[in-house]
Amino acid sequence: MKKRISVVLLTIFLMLAITSIAMAAGAEKEVKGLSNEVKMFIALASGLGIAIAAFGGALGQGRSIAAALEGIARNPGASGKLLTPMIIGLAMIESLVIYSLVVSLMLVMKL
């Protein structure tokens, strides 16, 4: 069931990405700038991009914290050994969300 859901979500995401690319290709003919339709799809793509990145980052951080806390609960003496790698992992996950934010802001600033 999880595989079907992930395939459906990936298909929807790819369809939205391809549609925005197709709409942007038609705007190359305009000399003055981007049309309103292209601006709308860029805003939609940046909003969806940051939403998906935040959702994925939250899931990843939740799972990593849950695994670390489970390990600490089983062996309290290992808390010092688990804390540093967990913090580094959380920082790496958060950096991916920040990269998505930067890309989304770059797209929006082109409008």
C-alpha atoms as a PDB file:
ATOM      1  CA  MET A   1       0.000   0.000   0.000  1.00  0.00           C
ATOM      2  CA  LYS A   2       2.823   2.414   0.859  1.00  0.00           C
ATOM      3  CA  LYS A   3       4.451   1.673  -2.473  1.00  0.00           C
ATOM      4  CA  ARG A   4       1.264   2.545  -4.355  1.00  0.00           C
ATOM      5  CA  ILE A   5       0.880   5.808  -2.464  1.00  0.00           C
ATOM      6  CA  SER A   6       4.482   6.783  -3.129  1.00  0.00           C
ATOM      7  CA  VAL A   7       4.113   5.940  -6.836  1.00  0.00           C
ATOM      8  CA  VAL A   8       0.924   8.005  -7.078  1.00  0.00           C
ATOM      9  CA  LEU A   9       2.496  10.980  -5.280  1.00  0.00           C
ATOM     10  CA  LEU A  10       5.622  10.778  -7.445  1.00  0.00           C
ATOM     11  CA  THR A  11       3.480  10.630 -10.581  1.00  0.00           C
ATOM     12  CA  ILE A  12       1.478  13.679  -9.524  1.00  0.00           C
ATOM     13  CA  PHE A  13       4.650  15.580  -8.675  1.00  0.00           C
ATOM     14  CA  LEU A  14       6.243  14.721 -12.030  1.00  0.00           C
ATOM     15  CA  MET A  15       3.089  15.712 -13.906  1.00  0.00           C
ATOM     16  CA  LEU A  16       3.070  19.088 -12.171  1.00  0.00           C
ATOM     17  CA  ALA A  17       6.767  19.572 -12.912  1.00  0.00           C
ATOM     18  CA  ILE A  18       6.392  18.652 -16.584  1.00  0.00           C
ATOM     19  CA  THR A  19       3.337  20.880 -16.937  1.00  0.00           C
ATOM     20  CA  SER A  20       5.190  23.879 -15.535  1.00  0.00           C
ATOM     21  CA  ILE A  21       8.115  23.226 -17.887  1.00  0.00           C
ATOM     22  CA  ALA A  22       5.756  22.985 -20.849  1.00  0.00           C
ATOM     23  CA  MET A  23       4.062  26.237 -19.887  1.00  0.00           C
ATOM     24  CA  ALA A  24       7.414  27.967 -19.451  1.00  0.00           C
ATOM     25  CA  ALA A  25       8.553  26.814 -22.897  1.00  0.00           C
ATOM     26  CA  GLY A  26       5.719  28.735 -24.547  1.00  0.00           C
ATOM     27  CA  ALA A  27       6.714  31.941 -22.776  1.00  0.00           C
ATOM     28  CA  GLU A  28      10.082  32.149 -24.535  1.00  0.00           C
ATOM     29  CA  LYS A  29       8.409  33.853 -27.493  1.00  0.00           C
ATOM     30  CA  GLU A  30       7.453  36.890 -25.450  1.00  0.00           C
ATOM     31  CA  VAL A  31       9.933  39.745 -25.530  1.00  0.00           C
ATOM     32  CA  LYS A  32       8.768  41.825 -22.556  1.00  0.00           C
ATOM     33  CA  GLY A  33       8.881  39.086 -19.909  1.00  0.00           C
ATOM     34  CA  LEU A  34       6.987  36.209 -18.474  1.00  0.00           C
ATOM     35  CA  SER A  35       3.276  35.830 -19.014  1.00  0.00           C
ATOM     36  CA  ASN A  36       0.885  35.639 -16.100  1.00  0.00           C
ATOM     37  CA  GLU A  37       0.365  31.903 -16.635  1.00  0.00           C
ATOM     38  CA  VAL A  38       4.078  31.200 -16.353  1.00  0.00           C
ATOM     39  CA  LYS A  39       4.320  33.368 -13.237  1.00  0.00           C
ATOM     40  CA  MET A  40       1.420  31.435 -11.746  1.00  0.00           C
ATOM     41  CA  PHE A  41       3.095  28.086 -12.407  1.00  0.00           C
ATOM     42  CA  ILE A  42       6.435  29.286 -11.035  1.00  0.00           C
ATOM     43  CA  ALA A  43       4.695  30.393  -7.834  1.00  0.00           C
ATOM     44  CA  LEU A  44       2.849  27.077  -7.654  1.00  0.00           C
ATOM     45  CA  ALA A  45       6.045  25.097  -8.225  1.00  0.00           C
ATOM     46  CA  SER A  46       7.971  27.014  -5.577  1.00  0.00           C
ATOM     47  CA  GLY A  47       5.152  26.618  -3.069  1.00  0.00           C
ATOM     48  CA  LEU A  48       4.815  22.904  -3.716  1.00  0.00           C
ATOM     49  CA  GLY A  49       8.578  22.464  -3.636  1.00  0.00           C
ATOM     50  CA  ILE A  50       9.004  24.011  -0.216  1.00  0.00           C
ATOM     51  CA  ALA A  51       5.934  22.177   1.101  1.00  0.00           C
ATOM     52  CA  ILE A  52       7.249  18.791  -0.037  1.00  0.00           C
ATOM     53  CA  ALA A  53      10.716  19.566   1.315  1.00  0.00           C
ATOM     54  CA  ALA A  54       9.329  20.623   4.703  1.00  0.00           C
ATOM     55  CA  PHE A  55       7.140  17.516   4.855  1.00  0.00           C
ATOM     56  CA  GLY A  56      10.033  15.219   3.971  1.00  0.00           C
ATOM     57  CA  GLY A  57      12.365  16.973   6.381  1.00  0.00           C
ATOM     58  CA  ALA A  58       9.858  16.680   9.200  1.00  0.00           C
ATOM     59  CA  LEU A  59       9.402  12.973   8.525  1.00  0.00           C
ATOM     60  CA  GLY A  60      13.152  12.382   8.419  1.00  0.00           C
ATOM     61  CA  GLN A  61      13.791  14.323  11.602  1.00  0.00           C
ATOM     62  CA  GLY A  62      10.960  12.575  13.410  1.00  0.00           C
ATOM     63  CA  ARG A  63      12.244   9.147  12.455  1.00  0.00           C
ATOM     64  CA  SER A  64      15.823   9.945  13.386  1.00  0.00           C
ATOM     65  CA  ILE A  65      14.846  11.353  16.784  1.00  0.00           C
ATOM     66  CA  ALA A  66      12.560   8.388  17.452  1.00  0.00           C
ATOM     67  CA  ALA A  67      15.349   5.936  16.617  1.00  0.00           C
ATOM     68  CA  ALA A  68      17.845   7.787  18.805  1.00  0.00           C
ATOM     69  CA  LEU A  69      15.443   7.955  21.741  1.00  0.00           C
ATOM     70  CA  GLU A  70      14.642   4.284  21.362  1.00  0.00           C
ATOM     71  CA  GLY A  71      18.349   3.491  21.461  1.00  0.00           C
ATOM     72  CA  ILE A  72      18.819   5.649  24.546  1.00  0.00           C
ATOM     73  CA  ALA A  73      15.817   3.987  26.215  1.00  0.00           C
ATOM     74  CA  ARG A  74      17.311   0.541  25.615  1.00  0.00           C
ATOM     75  CA  ASN A  75      20.801   1.540  26.728  1.00  0.00           C
ATOM     76  CA  PRO A  76      20.952   4.761  28.772  1.00  0.00           C
ATOM     77  CA  GLY A  77      24.731   4.570  28.894  1.00  0.00           C
ATOM     78  CA  ALA A  78      24.934   5.123  25.138  1.00  0.00           C
ATOM     79  CA  SER A  79      23.258   8.525  25.238  1.00  0.00           C
ATOM     80  CA  GLY A  80      26.563  10.365  24.840  1.00  0.00           C
ATOM     81  CA  LYS A  81      27.486   8.272  21.798  1.00  0.00           C
ATOM     82  CA  LEU A  82      24.079   8.753  20.174  1.00  0.00           C
ATOM     83  CA  LEU A  83      23.570  12.466  20.789  1.00  0.00           C
ATOM     84  CA  THR A  84      26.320  13.887  18.553  1.00  0.00           C
ATOM     85  CA  PRO A  85      25.535  11.801  15.430  1.00  0.00           C
ATOM     86  CA  MET A  86      21.832  12.544  15.903  1.00  0.00           C
ATOM     87  CA  ILE A  87      22.461  16.322  16.014  1.00  0.00           C
ATOM     88  CA  ILE A  88      24.695  16.104  12.919  1.00  0.00           C
ATOM     89  CA  GLY A  89      22.029  14.071  11.102  1.00  0.00           C
ATOM     90  CA  LEU A  90      19.326  16.572  12.018  1.00  0.00           C
ATOM     91  CA  ALA A  91      21.492  19.410  10.714  1.00  0.00           C
ATOM     92  CA  MET A  92      22.000  17.560   7.414  1.00  0.00           C
ATOM     93  CA  ILE A  93      18.280  16.958   7.036  1.00  0.00           C
ATOM     94  CA  GLU A  94      17.525  20.602   7.797  1.00  0.00           C
ATOM     95  CA  SER A  95      20.122  21.756   5.278  1.00  0.00           C
ATOM     96  CA  LEU A  96      18.210  19.975   2.513  1.00  0.00           C
ATOM     97  CA  VAL A  97      15.054  21.867   3.475  1.00  0.00           C
ATOM     98  CA  ILE A  98      17.010  25.130   3.472  1.00  0.00           C
ATOM     99  CA  TYR A  99      18.382  24.335  -0.005  1.00  0.00           C
ATOM    100  CA  SER A 100      14.810  23.862  -1.205  1.00  0.00           C
ATOM    101  CA  LEU A 101      13.882  27.209   0.352  1.00  0.00           C
ATOM    102  CA  VAL A 102      16.774  28.894  -1.463  1.00  0.00           C
ATOM    103  CA  VAL A 103      15.738  27.387  -4.805  1.00  0.00           C
ATOM    104  CA  SER A 104      12.119  28.428  -4.243  1.00  0.00           C
ATOM    105  CA  LEU A 105      13.155  31.966  -3.365  1.00  0.00           C
ATOM    106  CA  MET A 106      15.355  32.147  -6.450  1.00  0.00           C
ATOM    107  CA  LEU A 107      12.397  31.108  -8.600  1.00  0.00           C
ATOM    108  CA  VAL A 108      10.100  33.657  -7.001  1.00  0.00           C
ATOM    109  CA  MET A 109      12.654  36.453  -7.299  1.00  0.00           C
ATOM    110  CA  LYS A 110      12.773  35.872 -11.073  1.00  0.00           C
ATOM    111  CA  LEU A 111       9.151  37.004 -11.259  1.00  0.00           C
END
